[in-house]
Protein backbone atom coordinates (compact mmCIF):
# COMPACT_ATOMS: atom_id res chain seq x y z
CA MET A 1 -10.72 14.45 -3.57
CA ILE A 2 -8.39 11.53 -4.89
CA GLU A 3 -8.88 10.19 -8.31
CA THR A 4 -8.40 6.71 -9.52
CA THR A 5 -7.59 5.01 -12.67
CA ILE A 6 -9.58 2.00 -11.98
CA ILE A 7 -13.01 1.98 -12.76
CA ILE A 8 -14.47 -0.79 -10.55
CA SER A 9 -18.53 -2.20 -10.57
CA THR A 10 -21.14 -1.03 -7.59
CA LYS A 11 -20.58 -4.31 -6.00
CA VAL A 12 -16.71 -3.98 -5.70
CA LYS A 13 -17.05 -0.53 -4.51
CA ALA A 14 -19.46 -1.65 -1.75
CA ALA A 15 -17.08 -4.31 -0.45
CA PHE A 16 -14.25 -1.68 -0.66
CA GLU A 17 -16.24 0.81 1.52
CA ARG A 18 -16.85 -2.29 3.99
CA MET A 19 -13.07 -2.38 4.89
CA THR A 20 -12.25 -0.72 7.67
CA VAL A 21 -7.77 -1.00 6.61
CA PHE A 22 -7.66 1.97 4.15
CA LEU A 23 -7.28 5.54 4.73
CA ASP A 24 -9.15 8.21 6.46
CA HIS A 25 -10.92 9.76 3.48
CA GLU A 26 -11.62 12.78 5.39
CA MET A 27 -7.84 13.06 6.43
CA CYS A 28 -7.02 12.52 2.92
CA GLN A 29 -9.60 14.95 1.06
CA GLN A 30 -9.03 18.08 3.20
CA THR A 31 -5.76 18.80 5.53
CA ASP A 32 -5.77 22.27 6.19
CA GLY A 33 -8.96 23.35 4.38
CA LYS A 34 -7.40 24.17 1.23
CA GLN A 35 -4.87 21.24 -0.02
CA SER A 36 -5.32 17.32 -0.25
CA ILE A 37 -2.90 15.20 1.13
CA MET A 38 -1.36 14.30 -2.04
CA GLU A 39 -1.29 18.01 -3.28
CA LEU A 40 0.91 18.13 0.42
CA CYS A 41 2.27 15.41 -0.99
CA ASP A 42 3.35 16.43 -4.65
CA VAL A 43 1.52 13.27 -6.33
CA ALA A 44 -0.68 14.47 -9.12
CA PRO A 45 -3.83 13.19 -9.10
CA ALA A 46 -4.31 10.04 -11.33
CA LYS A 47 -5.31 10.96 -15.01
CA PRO A 48 -6.33 8.53 -17.95
CA ARG A 49 -2.85 7.20 -19.35
CA SER A 50 -0.85 4.06 -19.82
CA LEU A 51 0.49 2.23 -16.73
CA PRO A 52 4.29 2.88 -17.74
CA ALA A 53 3.21 6.84 -17.78
CA LEU A 54 1.42 6.54 -14.83
CA MET A 55 4.43 5.08 -13.02
CA LYS A 56 7.51 7.47 -14.21
CA ALA A 57 4.75 10.12 -12.91
CA THR A 58 4.73 9.23 -9.46
CA ARG A 59 8.09 7.30 -8.62
CA PRO A 60 9.86 8.86 -6.26
CA THR A 61 13.92 9.47 -6.78
CA THR A 62 15.77 7.78 -3.79
CA PRO A 63 16.64 4.49 -2.94
CA ILE A 64 15.92 3.20 0.04
CA SER A 65 16.50 -0.47 0.41
CA SER A 66 16.89 -3.21 -1.99
CA PRO A 67 14.62 -6.00 -3.08
CA THR A 68 16.88 -8.26 -0.61
CA THR A 69 15.58 -6.59 2.54
CA VAL A 70 12.43 -8.11 2.42
CA PHE A 71 10.03 -8.72 5.25
CA GLU A 72 7.28 -11.75 5.04
CA MET A 73 4.11 -12.95 6.85
CA THR A 74 2.19 -15.90 5.51
CA THR A 75 -1.58 -15.80 5.89
CA HIS A 76 -4.43 -18.10 4.72
CA VAL A 77 -7.42 -18.12 2.66
CA VAL A 78 -10.67 -17.84 4.93
CA PRO A 79 -14.05 -18.68 2.99
CA ALA A 80 -15.00 -15.21 3.73
CA ASP A 81 -12.34 -14.24 1.05
CA ILE A 82 -13.91 -16.31 -1.50
CA ASP A 83 -16.54 -13.87 -4.33
CA GLU A 84 -19.01 -15.56 -6.09
CA LEU A 85 -16.44 -16.87 -8.96
CA GLY A 86 -14.75 -19.21 -6.76
CA HIS A 87 -11.81 -17.41 -5.78
CA VAL A 88 -10.33 -14.91 -4.02
CA ASN A 89 -11.48 -11.16 -4.11
CA ASN A 90 -9.02 -8.58 -5.40
CA THR A 91 -10.27 -6.27 -2.52
CA VAL A 92 -8.73 -8.87 -0.33
CA TYR A 93 -5.30 -8.75 -2.12
CA LEU A 94 -5.40 -5.03 -1.18
CA ARG A 95 -6.09 -6.25 2.60
CA TRP A 96 -2.95 -8.19 2.59
CA VAL A 97 -0.90 -5.54 1.24
CA GLN A 98 -2.18 -3.54 4.22
CA GLU A 99 -1.96 -6.27 6.24
CA VAL A 100 1.97 -7.17 5.29
CA ALA A 101 2.96 -3.36 5.33
CA THR A 102 1.36 -2.93 8.66
CA ALA A 103 3.38 -6.00 10.40
CA HIS A 104 6.73 -4.54 8.19
CA TRP A 105 6.19 -1.19 9.82
CA GLN A 106 5.10 -2.04 13.26
CA ALA A 107 8.20 -5.04 13.31
CA ILE A 108 11.25 -2.64 12.32
CA ALA A 109 10.13 0.66 13.36
CA SER A 110 11.08 2.57 16.57
CA PRO A 111 8.58 3.09 19.31
CA ASP A 112 8.90 6.59 19.18
CA SER A 113 8.10 6.46 14.90
CA GLN A 114 5.13 4.36 16.19
CA ALA A 115 3.95 6.86 17.81
CA SER A 116 4.69 10.03 15.71
CA ILE A 117 3.67 8.71 12.19
CA VAL A 118 0.46 7.00 10.89
CA TRP A 119 0.75 6.20 7.11
CA VAL A 120 -1.75 6.99 4.18
CA VAL A 121 -1.88 5.54 0.99
CA LEU A 122 -1.75 7.65 -1.93
CA ARG A 123 -1.67 5.36 -4.49
CA HIS A 124 -2.12 1.19 -4.96
CA GLU A 125 -1.19 -0.37 -8.49
CA ILE A 126 -1.87 -3.65 -8.63
CA ASP A 127 -1.61 -6.66 -11.22
CA TYR A 128 -3.30 -10.15 -10.52
CA LYS A 129 -1.27 -13.18 -11.71
CA THR A 130 -3.13 -15.71 -10.55
CA PRO A 131 -6.19 -16.05 -8.46
CA ALA A 132 -5.80 -17.63 -4.89
CA LEU A 133 -8.15 -19.97 -3.88
CA ALA A 134 -10.15 -22.01 -0.56
CA GLY A 135 -7.28 -23.66 1.72
CA ASP A 136 -4.36 -21.85 0.21
CA GLU A 137 -1.62 -20.63 2.28
CA VAL A 138 -0.56 -17.38 0.75
CA LEU A 139 2.87 -15.88 1.26
CA LEU A 140 3.19 -12.11 1.50
CA ARG A 141 6.72 -10.33 0.70
CA THR A 142 7.22 -6.78 1.13
CA TRP A 143 9.94 -3.89 0.86
CA VAL A 144 10.76 -0.59 0.58
CA GLY A 145 11.38 0.75 -2.85
CA MET A 146 12.15 4.26 -3.30
CA VAL A 147 11.57 7.26 -1.08
CA SER A 148 10.96 10.97 -1.79
CA ARG A 149 10.57 14.04 1.07
CA LEU A 150 7.34 13.08 1.87
CA THR A 151 6.74 9.43 0.12
CA PHE A 152 7.50 6.34 0.47
CA GLU A 153 7.28 3.52 -2.58
CA ARG A 154 6.21 -0.10 -1.24
CA HIS A 155 6.44 -3.19 -3.09
CA THR A 156 4.42 -6.05 -2.77
CA GLU A 157 4.19 -9.81 -3.78
CA ILE A 158 1.63 -12.13 -2.91
CA ARG A 159 2.51 -16.14 -3.70
CA ARG A 160 1.23 -19.38 -3.16
CA ARG A 161 2.39 -21.37 -0.48
CA PRO A 162 5.09 -24.07 -0.69
CA SER A 163 5.52 -23.63 -4.92
CA GLY A 164 6.01 -19.89 -4.59
CA GLN A 165 3.57 -18.90 -7.67
CA LEU A 166 3.17 -15.34 -7.89
CA LEU A 167 -0.39 -14.53 -7.42
CA SER A 168 -0.14 -10.53 -7.37
CA GLN A 169 2.50 -8.08 -7.01
CA ALA A 170 1.70 -4.35 -5.99
CA ARG A 171 3.18 -1.08 -5.72
CA THR A 172 1.99 1.19 -3.08
CA LEU A 173 2.87 5.06 -2.44
CA TRP A 174 2.78 5.91 1.03
CA CYS A 175 3.02 9.14 3.12
CA PRO A 176 3.75 9.41 6.67
CA ILE A 177 1.52 11.73 8.62
CA ASN A 178 2.45 13.42 12.38
CA THR A 179 0.09 12.16 14.60
CA THR A 180 0.24 15.36 16.64
CA THR A 181 -0.52 18.26 13.91
CA GLY A 182 -2.16 15.69 11.21
CA ARG A 183 0.60 16.80 8.02
CA PRO A 184 2.54 14.75 5.88
CA GLN A 185 5.65 14.39 7.60
CA ARG A 186 9.43 14.52 5.73
CA VAL A 187 11.11 11.76 5.75
CA THR A 188 13.87 11.82 8.13
CA ALA A 189 17.34 10.28 7.75
CA GLU A 190 16.55 7.99 10.91
CA LEU A 191 13.35 6.96 9.54
CA ARG A 192 14.77 5.61 6.41
CA ALA A 193 17.78 3.73 8.27
CA GLN A 194 15.18 1.67 9.89
CA PHE A 195 13.93 0.15 6.69
CA SER A 196 17.42 0.03 4.58
CA THR A 197 19.01 -2.73 7.20
């Protein structure tokens, strides 16, 4: 079972569970009856510790692209995104992180790669800076950071348009899964190259 460092309320947890954009929990819990995806990808389960220590523990070691290789898309805040506090609910930011990552993958990856690889999230780290509000137009920016043999680090910024004000930033650790075997797949030079231009 994947551990998390985030403690969330029952209400937020219920909203999270309704979302369909996150990983297949059964696949993450057991891939071969013995090891979880996180174990196969050499990612240590989260333990209560400081954010800098957590980031250091999961930081991949090989740069794949620079922050200048950025994929962008825009979205609008809709009424369903607003919570009882009158601003965008925190779970919506995670949905946006997923949506921009998926759009980037579909825009850049070859048809063969898209057919043979699916992605699962191993870890989300997200900082909320300023709330998005009803009617806001939001710019989603993402780029691939570091890569290890079985993981991709992806960075995401969420900004209000047209001011460019930073609303949130996230670092997500992804693992490529082979669609035929259902197991983690090594990151090939070809796959790296698709995201480094």
